[in-house]
Amino acid sequence: MTDAFILDGVRTAVGSLGGQLSGVRADDMAAHAIRALIARHPSLDPLQITDVILGCANQAGEDNRNVARMAVLLAGLPTAIPGETVNRLCASGMSAVVSAARGVRLGEGELYVAGGVENMTRAPYVMSKGSTPFARDVELFDTSLGWRFINPALKERYGTESM
């Protein structure tokens, strides 16, 4: 089995709620990091990249679809390079790196870009659907913390104090 190695790493600055990065979308942030990584390796042909795998826990609002694929396109990489978004809540970024390492070890590819991305300041509120057409029994939830649409059996068993 082939060994997998982390060859390089880049990251964006760490922000705070409502801080200087609050206006930056998660897909733009990830694209910036990918561009910086590629720039550090000018001899790399981007088509050698098997996949871009990013972890993203919130996946609501702007990053609700496939933030990894959007980051690939925004970074200006060839459209032939796929992007996969992994959600394992707080372990999403680590799971993305593990998935890339697994791909190398299994011979599915030789070069991956993997990591995590999130901008919780930009996390939207979401609203439940009404129980009937035109119902007014909807609830509003903050997607940046905790459980949202809780299964009543899980709420009874575990409470709502954590994700």
N, C-alpha and C. Protein backbone atom coordinates (compact mmCIF):
# COMPACT_ATOMS: atom_id res chain seq x y z
N MET A 1 0.85 -1.18 0.00
CA MET A 1 0.00 0.00 0.00
C MET A 1 0.90 1.25 0.00
N THR A 2 0.55 2.23 -0.79
CA THR A 2 1.32 3.47 -0.91
C THR A 2 1.17 4.33 0.35
N ASP A 3 2.26 4.91 0.80
CA ASP A 3 2.18 5.84 1.93
C ASP A 3 1.63 7.18 1.46
N ALA A 4 0.94 7.86 2.33
CA ALA A 4 0.40 9.19 2.05
C ALA A 4 1.13 10.21 2.92
N PHE A 5 1.44 11.36 2.34
CA PHE A 5 2.16 12.41 3.06
C PHE A 5 1.46 13.75 2.86
N ILE A 6 1.56 14.61 3.85
CA ILE A 6 1.13 16.00 3.70
C ILE A 6 2.35 16.77 3.20
N LEU A 7 2.24 17.33 2.02
CA LEU A 7 3.38 17.99 1.38
C LEU A 7 3.48 19.47 1.71
N ASP A 8 2.37 20.13 1.98
CA ASP A 8 2.39 21.57 2.23
C ASP A 8 1.07 21.94 2.89
N GLY A 9 1.02 23.11 3.44
CA GLY A 9 -0.21 23.58 4.05
C GLY A 9 -0.29 25.09 4.05
N VAL A 10 -1.47 25.60 3.83
CA VAL A 10 -1.73 27.04 3.92
C VAL A 10 -3.04 27.23 4.68
N ARG A 11 -3.21 28.41 5.20
CA ARG A 11 -4.48 28.71 5.88
C ARG A 11 -4.75 30.20 5.77
N THR A 12 -5.99 30.54 6.00
CA THR A 12 -6.35 31.95 6.06
C THR A 12 -6.15 32.42 7.48
N ALA A 13 -6.30 33.70 7.68
CA ALA A 13 -6.23 34.25 9.03
C ALA A 13 -7.43 33.76 9.84
N VAL A 14 -7.28 33.76 11.15
CA VAL A 14 -8.39 33.39 12.02
C VAL A 14 -9.19 34.65 12.30
N GLY A 15 -10.48 34.57 12.10
CA GLY A 15 -11.34 35.73 12.30
C GLY A 15 -12.14 35.62 13.58
N SER A 16 -12.97 36.61 13.81
CA SER A 16 -13.86 36.60 14.96
C SER A 16 -15.25 37.03 14.50
N LEU A 17 -16.23 36.78 15.32
CA LEU A 17 -17.61 37.09 14.98
C LEU A 17 -17.75 38.55 14.59
N GLY A 18 -18.21 38.80 13.38
CA GLY A 18 -18.39 40.16 12.90
C GLY A 18 -17.10 40.89 12.60
N GLY A 19 -15.97 40.17 12.55
CA GLY A 19 -14.67 40.80 12.35
C GLY A 19 -14.34 41.09 10.89
N GLN A 20 -13.06 41.28 10.63
CA GLN A 20 -12.62 41.70 9.31
C GLN A 20 -12.90 40.68 8.21
N LEU A 21 -13.04 39.42 8.55
CA LEU A 21 -13.34 38.40 7.55
C LEU A 21 -14.83 38.13 7.41
N SER A 22 -15.65 38.85 8.16
CA SER A 22 -17.09 38.56 8.15
C SER A 22 -17.75 38.76 6.79
N GLY A 23 -17.15 39.57 5.94
CA GLY A 23 -17.71 39.80 4.62
C GLY A 23 -17.22 38.84 3.56
N VAL A 24 -16.39 37.87 3.95
CA VAL A 24 -15.80 36.95 2.98
C VAL A 24 -16.55 35.62 3.01
N ARG A 25 -17.05 35.23 1.86
CA ARG A 25 -17.76 33.95 1.75
C ARG A 25 -16.79 32.78 1.96
N ALA A 26 -17.31 31.67 2.44
CA ALA A 26 -16.47 30.48 2.67
C ALA A 26 -15.84 29.98 1.37
N ASP A 27 -16.58 29.99 0.27
CA ASP A 27 -16.01 29.49 -0.99
C ASP A 27 -14.90 30.42 -1.49
N ASP A 28 -15.04 31.72 -1.28
CA ASP A 28 -13.97 32.66 -1.64
C ASP A 28 -12.74 32.46 -0.76
N MET A 29 -12.96 32.20 0.53
CA MET A 29 -11.84 31.96 1.44
C MET A 29 -11.06 30.72 1.03
N ALA A 30 -11.80 29.65 0.74
CA ALA A 30 -11.15 28.40 0.32
C ALA A 30 -10.40 28.59 -0.99
N ALA A 31 -11.00 29.31 -1.92
CA ALA A 31 -10.35 29.56 -3.22
C ALA A 31 -9.05 30.33 -3.02
N HIS A 32 -9.05 31.29 -2.12
CA HIS A 32 -7.83 32.07 -1.83
C HIS A 32 -6.72 31.14 -1.32
N ALA A 33 -7.07 30.25 -0.40
CA ALA A 33 -6.07 29.32 0.14
C ALA A 33 -5.56 28.37 -0.95
N ILE A 34 -6.45 27.90 -1.81
CA ILE A 34 -6.04 26.99 -2.89
C ILE A 34 -5.11 27.72 -3.86
N ARG A 35 -5.46 28.94 -4.24
CA ARG A 35 -4.59 29.72 -5.14
C ARG A 35 -3.20 29.93 -4.52
N ALA A 36 -3.17 30.23 -3.22
CA ALA A 36 -1.89 30.44 -2.53
C ALA A 36 -1.07 29.16 -2.52
N LEU A 37 -1.72 28.03 -2.31
CA LEU A 37 -1.03 26.74 -2.31
C LEU A 37 -0.44 26.45 -3.68
N ILE A 38 -1.22 26.64 -4.72
CA ILE A 38 -0.76 26.39 -6.09
C ILE A 38 0.40 27.34 -6.44
N ALA A 39 0.31 28.59 -6.03
CA ALA A 39 1.35 29.58 -6.33
C ALA A 39 2.70 29.20 -5.71
N ARG A 40 2.66 28.49 -4.60
CA ARG A 40 3.90 28.07 -3.94
C ARG A 40 4.58 26.92 -4.67
N HIS A 41 3.91 26.35 -5.65
CA HIS A 41 4.44 25.21 -6.40
C HIS A 41 4.29 25.47 -7.90
N PRO A 42 5.08 26.41 -8.44
CA PRO A 42 4.89 26.83 -9.83
C PRO A 42 5.12 25.73 -10.86
N SER A 43 5.85 24.68 -10.51
CA SER A 43 6.08 23.60 -11.48
C SER A 43 4.93 22.59 -11.51
N LEU A 44 3.98 22.74 -10.61
CA LEU A 44 2.85 21.81 -10.55
C LEU A 44 1.86 22.07 -11.68
N ASP A 45 1.53 21.02 -12.40
CA ASP A 45 0.44 21.08 -13.37
C ASP A 45 -0.84 20.81 -12.58
N PRO A 46 -1.74 21.78 -12.47
CA PRO A 46 -2.96 21.57 -11.67
C PRO A 46 -3.76 20.33 -12.08
N LEU A 47 -3.63 19.90 -13.32
CA LEU A 47 -4.36 18.70 -13.75
C LEU A 47 -3.84 17.43 -13.08
N GLN A 48 -2.72 17.53 -12.35
CA GLN A 48 -2.24 16.39 -11.57
C GLN A 48 -3.08 16.20 -10.30
N ILE A 49 -3.86 17.21 -9.92
CA ILE A 49 -4.68 17.11 -8.71
C ILE A 49 -5.84 16.17 -8.99
N THR A 50 -5.94 15.12 -8.20
CA THR A 50 -7.00 14.13 -8.35
C THR A 50 -8.34 14.69 -7.91
N ASP A 51 -8.34 15.40 -6.78
CA ASP A 51 -9.59 15.89 -6.21
C ASP A 51 -9.27 16.97 -5.19
N VAL A 52 -10.22 17.84 -4.95
CA VAL A 52 -10.16 18.81 -3.86
C VAL A 52 -11.26 18.41 -2.89
N ILE A 53 -10.87 18.07 -1.67
CA ILE A 53 -11.83 17.61 -0.66
C ILE A 53 -11.77 18.60 0.51
N LEU A 54 -12.89 19.23 0.79
CA LEU A 54 -12.96 20.20 1.89
C LEU A 54 -14.05 19.81 2.87
N GLY A 55 -13.75 19.96 4.14
CA GLY A 55 -14.75 19.79 5.17
C GLY A 55 -15.44 21.11 5.45
N CYS A 56 -16.75 21.05 5.65
CA CYS A 56 -17.54 22.24 5.96
C CYS A 56 -18.71 21.78 6.81
N ALA A 57 -18.74 22.20 8.06
CA ALA A 57 -19.74 21.70 8.99
C ALA A 57 -21.11 22.34 8.83
N ASN A 58 -21.15 23.63 8.58
CA ASN A 58 -22.45 24.31 8.59
C ASN A 58 -23.27 24.01 7.35
N GLN A 59 -22.72 24.19 6.19
CA GLN A 59 -23.38 23.94 4.92
C GLN A 59 -24.80 24.49 4.86
N ALA A 60 -24.94 25.71 5.26
CA ALA A 60 -26.22 26.41 5.14
C ALA A 60 -25.94 27.74 4.48
N GLY A 61 -26.86 28.23 3.71
CA GLY A 61 -26.66 29.52 3.06
C GLY A 61 -25.70 29.41 1.90
N GLU A 62 -24.68 30.26 1.91
CA GLU A 62 -23.76 30.37 0.77
C GLU A 62 -22.95 29.10 0.51
N ASP A 63 -22.65 28.35 1.55
CA ASP A 63 -21.84 27.14 1.36
C ASP A 63 -22.67 25.87 1.51
N ASN A 64 -23.95 25.94 1.12
CA ASN A 64 -24.85 24.82 1.37
C ASN A 64 -24.80 23.72 0.33
N ARG A 65 -24.18 23.94 -0.79
CA ARG A 65 -24.13 22.89 -1.81
C ARG A 65 -22.78 22.19 -1.72
N ASN A 66 -21.93 22.43 -2.66
CA ASN A 66 -20.63 21.79 -2.68
C ASN A 66 -19.56 22.87 -2.66
N VAL A 67 -19.23 23.34 -1.48
CA VAL A 67 -18.29 24.45 -1.32
C VAL A 67 -16.91 24.10 -1.90
N ALA A 68 -16.54 22.83 -1.87
CA ALA A 68 -15.25 22.43 -2.45
C ALA A 68 -15.24 22.65 -3.96
N ARG A 69 -16.30 22.27 -4.62
CA ARG A 69 -16.37 22.47 -6.08
C ARG A 69 -16.39 23.95 -6.43
N MET A 70 -17.14 24.74 -5.67
CA MET A 70 -17.17 26.18 -5.91
C MET A 70 -15.78 26.78 -5.72
N ALA A 71 -15.05 26.31 -4.71
CA ALA A 71 -13.69 26.82 -4.45
C ALA A 71 -12.75 26.46 -5.60
N VAL A 72 -12.88 25.25 -6.15
CA VAL A 72 -12.07 24.84 -7.30
C VAL A 72 -12.28 25.82 -8.45
N LEU A 73 -13.53 26.11 -8.75
CA LEU A 73 -13.85 27.00 -9.87
C LEU A 73 -13.40 28.43 -9.58
N LEU A 74 -13.64 28.92 -8.36
CA LEU A 74 -13.24 30.28 -8.00
C LEU A 74 -11.72 30.44 -7.97
N ALA A 75 -11.01 29.36 -7.66
CA ALA A 75 -9.54 29.41 -7.64
C ALA A 75 -8.95 29.42 -9.04
N GLY A 76 -9.80 29.20 -10.04
CA GLY A 76 -9.32 29.20 -11.41
C GLY A 76 -8.67 27.90 -11.85
N LEU A 77 -8.89 26.83 -11.10
CA LEU A 77 -8.35 25.53 -11.49
C LEU A 77 -9.15 24.99 -12.68
N PRO A 78 -8.57 24.06 -13.42
CA PRO A 78 -9.30 23.49 -14.56
C PRO A 78 -10.62 22.85 -14.12
N THR A 79 -11.63 22.97 -14.95
CA THR A 79 -12.95 22.42 -14.61
C THR A 79 -12.94 20.90 -14.52
N ALA A 80 -11.90 20.26 -15.02
CA ALA A 80 -11.79 18.80 -14.93
C ALA A 80 -11.50 18.33 -13.51
N ILE A 81 -11.06 19.23 -12.64
CA ILE A 81 -10.74 18.84 -11.26
C ILE A 81 -12.03 18.86 -10.45
N PRO A 82 -12.40 17.73 -9.85
CA PRO A 82 -13.63 17.70 -9.06
C PRO A 82 -13.43 18.33 -7.68
N GLY A 83 -14.52 18.52 -6.99
CA GLY A 83 -14.50 19.00 -5.62
C GLY A 83 -15.53 18.23 -4.81
N GLU A 84 -15.16 17.83 -3.62
CA GLU A 84 -16.05 17.06 -2.76
C GLU A 84 -16.10 17.73 -1.39
N THR A 85 -17.30 17.92 -0.88
CA THR A 85 -17.47 18.51 0.44
C THR A 85 -17.87 17.43 1.43
N VAL A 86 -17.18 17.42 2.57
CA VAL A 86 -17.40 16.43 3.62
C VAL A 86 -18.00 17.14 4.82
N ASN A 87 -18.99 16.54 5.46
CA ASN A 87 -19.56 17.12 6.67
C ASN A 87 -19.53 16.09 7.78
N ARG A 88 -18.66 16.33 8.75
CA ARG A 88 -18.63 15.53 9.96
C ARG A 88 -18.57 16.50 11.15
N LEU A 89 -19.34 17.57 11.02
CA LEU A 89 -19.41 18.64 12.01
C LEU A 89 -18.00 19.12 12.37
N CYS A 90 -17.64 19.11 13.64
CA CYS A 90 -16.36 19.69 14.05
C CYS A 90 -15.14 18.96 13.48
N ALA A 91 -15.31 17.74 13.03
CA ALA A 91 -14.19 16.97 12.47
C ALA A 91 -14.18 16.99 10.95
N SER A 92 -14.92 17.90 10.33
CA SER A 92 -15.05 17.92 8.86
C SER A 92 -13.73 18.11 8.14
N GLY A 93 -12.92 19.07 8.55
CA GLY A 93 -11.64 19.30 7.90
C GLY A 93 -10.71 18.10 8.05
N MET A 94 -10.67 17.53 9.23
CA MET A 94 -9.83 16.34 9.46
C MET A 94 -10.33 15.17 8.62
N SER A 95 -11.64 15.01 8.52
CA SER A 95 -12.19 13.93 7.70
C SER A 95 -11.83 14.11 6.23
N ALA A 96 -11.77 15.35 5.77
CA ALA A 96 -11.37 15.61 4.39
C ALA A 96 -9.93 15.16 4.16
N VAL A 97 -9.05 15.47 5.10
CA VAL A 97 -7.64 15.07 4.98
C VAL A 97 -7.52 13.55 5.03
N VAL A 98 -8.27 12.92 5.91
CA VAL A 98 -8.25 11.45 6.01
C VAL A 98 -8.76 10.83 4.71
N SER A 99 -9.80 11.40 4.12
CA SER A 99 -10.32 10.88 2.84
C SER A 99 -9.27 10.98 1.74
N ALA A 100 -8.56 12.10 1.70
CA ALA A 100 -7.50 12.26 0.70
C ALA A 100 -6.39 11.24 0.92
N ALA A 101 -5.97 11.07 2.16
CA ALA A 101 -4.93 10.08 2.47
C ALA A 101 -5.39 8.68 2.08
N ARG A 102 -6.63 8.38 2.36
CA ARG A 102 -7.19 7.07 1.99
C ARG A 102 -7.14 6.88 0.47
N GLY A 103 -7.48 7.94 -0.27
CA GLY A 103 -7.43 7.86 -1.73
C GLY A 103 -6.03 7.56 -2.24
N VAL A 104 -5.03 8.19 -1.63
CA VAL A 104 -3.64 7.93 -2.02
C VAL A 104 -3.26 6.50 -1.69
N ARG A 105 -3.57 6.08 -0.47
CA ARG A 105 -3.18 4.74 -0.02
C ARG A 105 -3.86 3.64 -0.83
N LEU A 106 -5.06 3.89 -1.31
CA LEU A 106 -5.78 2.89 -2.10
C LEU A 106 -5.46 2.95 -3.58
N GLY A 107 -4.64 3.93 -3.97
CA GLY A 107 -4.26 4.04 -5.36
C GLY A 107 -5.28 4.73 -6.24
N GLU A 108 -6.21 5.45 -5.63
CA GLU A 108 -7.23 6.17 -6.41
C GLU A 108 -6.69 7.47 -7.00
N GLY A 109 -5.60 7.96 -6.46
CA GLY A 109 -4.99 9.19 -6.94
C GLY A 109 -3.68 9.42 -6.22
N GLU A 110 -2.90 10.37 -6.73
CA GLU A 110 -1.60 10.65 -6.14
C GLU A 110 -1.52 12.00 -5.45
N LEU A 111 -2.34 12.95 -5.88
CA LEU A 111 -2.25 14.30 -5.34
C LEU A 111 -3.64 14.87 -5.08
N TYR A 112 -3.87 15.24 -3.85
CA TYR A 112 -5.15 15.81 -3.43
C TYR A 112 -4.89 17.15 -2.74
N VAL A 113 -5.87 18.02 -2.79
CA VAL A 113 -5.91 19.21 -1.95
C VAL A 113 -7.02 18.94 -0.94
N ALA A 114 -6.71 19.03 0.35
CA ALA A 114 -7.71 18.71 1.37
C ALA A 114 -7.58 19.66 2.55
N GLY A 115 -8.70 19.92 3.20
CA GLY A 115 -8.71 20.79 4.37
C GLY A 115 -10.13 21.11 4.78
N GLY A 116 -10.30 22.24 5.43
CA GLY A 116 -11.62 22.63 5.89
C GLY A 116 -11.85 24.11 5.67
N VAL A 117 -13.11 24.50 5.65
CA VAL A 117 -13.47 25.91 5.46
C VAL A 117 -14.78 26.19 6.18
N GLU A 118 -14.88 27.38 6.74
CA GLU A 118 -16.09 27.78 7.45
C GLU A 118 -16.05 29.29 7.66
N ASN A 119 -17.19 29.93 7.61
CA ASN A 119 -17.30 31.31 8.05
C ASN A 119 -18.63 31.42 8.79
N MET A 120 -18.58 31.19 10.09
CA MET A 120 -19.80 31.12 10.89
C MET A 120 -20.50 32.47 11.02
N THR A 121 -19.77 33.58 10.87
CA THR A 121 -20.43 34.88 10.90
C THR A 121 -21.47 34.98 9.79
N ARG A 122 -21.20 34.35 8.67
CA ARG A 122 -22.10 34.43 7.51
C ARG A 122 -23.17 33.33 7.52
N ALA A 123 -23.19 32.50 8.55
CA ALA A 123 -24.20 31.44 8.63
C ALA A 123 -25.59 32.06 8.72
N PRO A 124 -26.52 31.60 7.91
CA PRO A 124 -27.84 32.22 7.88
C PRO A 124 -28.78 31.67 8.95
N TYR A 125 -29.89 32.32 9.07
CA TYR A 125 -31.00 31.76 9.83
C TYR A 125 -31.81 30.91 8.87
N VAL A 126 -32.41 29.86 9.37
CA VAL A 126 -33.29 29.04 8.54
C VAL A 126 -34.65 28.94 9.21
N MET A 127 -35.64 28.67 8.41
CA MET A 127 -37.01 28.61 8.91
C MET A 127 -37.60 27.25 8.56
N SER A 128 -38.30 26.67 9.51
CA SER A 128 -38.98 25.40 9.25
C SER A 128 -40.17 25.65 8.34
N LYS A 129 -40.66 24.59 7.73
CA LYS A 129 -41.87 24.70 6.92
C LYS A 129 -43.08 24.55 7.83
N GLY A 130 -44.15 25.18 7.45
CA GLY A 130 -45.38 25.06 8.22
C GLY A 130 -45.95 23.65 8.14
N SER A 131 -46.78 23.31 9.11
CA SER A 131 -47.35 21.96 9.16
C SER A 131 -48.43 21.76 8.10
N THR A 132 -49.02 22.85 7.64
CA THR A 132 -50.05 22.79 6.60
C THR A 132 -49.83 23.97 5.65
N PRO A 133 -50.44 23.93 4.47
CA PRO A 133 -50.30 25.09 3.58
C PRO A 133 -50.76 26.37 4.27
N PHE A 134 -49.98 27.41 4.15
CA PHE A 134 -50.27 28.73 4.71
C PHE A 134 -50.28 28.75 6.24
N ALA A 135 -49.69 27.72 6.85
CA ALA A 135 -49.64 27.67 8.32
C ALA A 135 -48.70 28.75 8.84
N ARG A 136 -48.93 29.14 10.07
CA ARG A 136 -48.08 30.16 10.70
C ARG A 136 -47.30 29.59 11.88
N ASP A 137 -47.13 28.28 11.89
CA ASP A 137 -46.41 27.64 13.00
C ASP A 137 -44.94 27.36 12.65
N VAL A 138 -44.33 28.27 11.93
CA VAL A 138 -42.93 28.09 11.56
C VAL A 138 -42.01 28.59 12.67
N GLU A 139 -40.79 28.03 12.71
CA GLU A 139 -39.80 28.45 13.70
C GLU A 139 -38.56 28.94 12.96
N LEU A 140 -37.83 29.85 13.57
CA LEU A 140 -36.60 30.39 13.01
C LEU A 140 -35.43 29.85 13.83
N PHE A 141 -34.37 29.38 13.14
CA PHE A 141 -33.21 28.80 13.81
C PHE A 141 -31.93 29.48 13.34
N ASP A 142 -30.99 29.66 14.25
CA ASP A 142 -29.66 30.17 13.92
C ASP A 142 -28.80 28.97 13.53
N THR A 143 -28.29 28.95 12.30
CA THR A 143 -27.53 27.79 11.85
C THR A 143 -26.10 27.76 12.37
N SER A 144 -25.67 28.81 13.05
CA SER A 144 -24.27 28.85 13.47
C SER A 144 -24.00 28.09 14.76
N LEU A 145 -25.01 27.68 15.48
CA LEU A 145 -24.74 26.92 16.68
C LEU A 145 -25.85 25.94 17.00
N GLY A 146 -25.43 24.85 17.58
CA GLY A 146 -26.34 23.85 18.10
C GLY A 146 -27.19 23.12 17.07
N TRP A 147 -28.13 22.39 17.59
CA TRP A 147 -29.05 21.61 16.79
C TRP A 147 -30.08 22.55 16.18
N ARG A 148 -30.63 22.17 15.05
CA ARG A 148 -31.64 23.00 14.43
C ARG A 148 -32.98 22.27 14.41
N PHE A 149 -33.20 21.46 13.42
CA PHE A 149 -34.46 20.73 13.31
C PHE A 149 -34.30 19.39 14.01
N ILE A 150 -34.57 19.39 15.27
CA ILE A 150 -34.27 18.24 16.12
C ILE A 150 -35.36 17.19 16.02
N ASN A 151 -34.93 15.95 15.84
CA ASN A 151 -35.85 14.83 15.94
C ASN A 151 -36.27 14.74 17.41
N PRO A 152 -37.57 14.73 17.70
CA PRO A 152 -38.01 14.72 19.10
C PRO A 152 -37.43 13.57 19.91
N ALA A 153 -37.21 12.41 19.29
CA ALA A 153 -36.64 11.27 20.02
C ALA A 153 -35.20 11.57 20.45
N LEU A 154 -34.43 12.25 19.59
CA LEU A 154 -33.06 12.61 19.96
C LEU A 154 -33.04 13.68 21.04
N LYS A 155 -33.96 14.63 20.95
CA LYS A 155 -34.05 15.69 21.96
C LYS A 155 -34.35 15.08 23.32
N GLU A 156 -35.27 14.13 23.36
CA GLU A 156 -35.64 13.47 24.62
C GLU A 156 -34.46 12.67 25.18
N ARG A 157 -33.75 11.99 24.32
CA ARG A 157 -32.66 11.11 24.74
C ARG A 157 -31.40 11.88 25.13
N TYR A 158 -31.05 12.94 24.39
CA TYR A 158 -29.76 13.60 24.59
C TYR A 158 -29.84 15.06 25.00
N GLY A 159 -31.01 15.67 24.94
CA GLY A 159 -31.11 17.09 25.24
C GLY A 159 -30.67 17.92 24.06
N THR A 160 -30.55 19.22 24.28
CA THR A 160 -30.19 20.13 23.19
C THR A 160 -28.97 20.98 23.52
N GLU A 161 -28.17 20.56 24.48
CA GLU A 161 -27.05 21.38 24.92
C GLU A 161 -25.85 21.33 23.99
N SER A 162 -25.80 20.39 23.07
CA SER A 162 -24.65 20.28 22.17
C SER A 162 -25.11 19.79 20.82
N MET A 163 -24.14 19.77 19.87
CA MET A 163 -24.46 19.25 18.56
C MET A 163 -24.40 17.75 18.61
